[in-house]
Amino acid sequence: MLRRHSLSSSYCCYTNRCVVVDAQLVGLEGQSDAETRAMLQGVVRHYQTLFDVPNVLGVYASMSVVYRKLSEAHTVLTTLKDHLDLGEIC
């Protein structure tokens, strides 16, 4: 059976992950600077792996591209929802 992922479910998955990361970052408040730095370096390394960013200098530019594409996808979904008169059910 072929499993389909809609753009809106991908968006929800992304936003759920953002909430988890935000919670982790809030949890950093009680940690030492070395622990905080190590965790943030791990997050950046993981981002580099996920998005094939070769060095740290390219991470910020890559994040901008990802954010722009996500915003465009959200705009398309909102426009489609409005044109199809789906209201709040989606």
Protein backbone atom coordinates (compact mmCIF):
# COMPACT_ATOMS: atom_id res chain seq x y z
CA MET A 1 0.00 0.00 0.00
CA LEU A 2 1.36 3.40 -0.99
CA ARG A 3 1.31 5.85 1.87
CA ARG A 4 0.79 9.50 0.94
CA HIS A 5 1.96 12.43 2.99
CA SER A 6 0.15 15.65 2.43
CA LEU A 7 1.87 18.99 2.59
CA SER A 8 -0.27 19.98 5.56
CA SER A 9 0.75 16.86 7.52
CA SER A 10 4.39 17.64 6.73
CA TYR A 11 3.86 21.18 7.99
CA CYS A 12 2.24 19.87 11.19
CA CYS A 13 5.13 17.47 11.69
CA TYR A 14 7.60 20.34 11.25
CA THR A 15 5.78 22.58 13.69
CA ASN A 16 5.58 19.74 16.24
CA ARG A 17 9.33 19.29 15.97
CA CYS A 18 9.83 23.03 16.47
CA VAL A 19 7.83 22.84 19.70
CA VAL A 20 10.05 19.99 20.92
CA VAL A 21 13.23 21.92 20.08
CA ASP A 22 11.85 25.04 21.81
CA ALA A 23 11.17 22.97 24.93
CA GLN A 24 14.70 21.58 24.82
CA LEU A 25 16.16 25.05 24.49
CA VAL A 26 14.13 26.26 27.46
CA GLY A 27 15.56 23.32 29.40
CA LEU A 28 19.06 24.66 28.74
CA GLU A 29 18.56 27.54 31.17
CA GLY A 30 19.79 25.55 34.18
CA GLN A 31 22.81 24.02 32.42
CA SER A 32 26.37 25.21 32.34
CA ASP A 33 27.74 27.09 29.34
CA ALA A 34 29.76 24.04 28.25
CA GLU A 35 26.69 21.79 28.28
CA THR A 36 24.62 24.39 26.44
CA ARG A 37 27.33 24.89 23.82
CA ALA A 38 27.70 21.12 23.31
CA MET A 39 23.96 20.67 22.77
CA LEU A 40 23.70 23.58 20.35
CA GLN A 41 26.73 22.30 18.40
CA GLY A 42 24.97 18.94 18.16
CA VAL A 43 21.84 20.61 16.81
CA VAL A 44 23.86 22.49 14.19
CA ARG A 45 25.74 19.32 13.16
CA HIS A 46 22.44 17.47 12.84
CA TYR A 47 21.02 20.29 10.69
CA GLN A 48 24.11 20.16 8.49
CA THR A 49 23.59 16.42 7.99
CA LEU A 50 19.87 16.72 7.24
CA PHE A 51 20.22 19.53 4.71
CA ASP A 52 23.65 18.70 3.24
CA VAL A 53 25.27 21.91 4.44
CA PRO A 54 29.06 21.43 4.22
CA ASN A 55 30.13 24.03 6.79
CA VAL A 56 28.75 26.09 9.62
CA LEU A 57 28.88 29.29 7.58
CA GLY A 58 26.21 27.91 5.24
CA VAL A 59 23.74 26.98 7.98
CA TYR A 60 22.15 30.42 8.32
CA ALA A 61 21.62 30.79 4.56
CA SER A 62 20.19 27.27 4.38
CA MET A 63 17.81 28.02 7.25
CA SER A 64 16.57 31.08 5.39
CA VAL A 65 15.85 28.98 2.31
CA VAL A 66 14.03 26.32 4.34
CA TYR A 67 11.98 28.97 6.17
CA ARG A 68 11.07 30.71 2.90
CA LYS A 69 9.96 27.43 1.28
CA LEU A 70 7.93 26.52 4.37
CA SER A 71 6.26 29.95 4.30
CA GLU A 72 5.47 29.54 0.61
CA ALA A 73 3.96 26.10 1.23
CA HIS A 74 1.85 27.47 4.08
CA THR A 75 0.62 30.29 1.84
CA VAL A 76 -0.33 27.81 -0.90
CA LEU A 77 -2.23 25.66 1.59
CA THR A 78 -4.07 28.66 2.97
CA THR A 79 -4.98 29.86 -0.54
CA LEU A 80 -6.21 26.41 -1.56
CA LYS A 81 -8.26 26.11 1.61
CA ASP A 82 -9.85 29.51 0.91
CA HIS A 83 -10.60 28.72 -2.75
CA LEU A 84 -12.12 25.35 -1.85
CA ASP A 85 -14.21 26.90 0.94
CA LEU A 86 -12.91 24.39 3.48
CA GLY A 87 -13.09 26.81 6.37
CA GLU A 88 -11.83 25.53 9.70
CA ILE A 89 -12.13 21.80 8.95
CA CYS A 90 -8.55 21.61 7.67
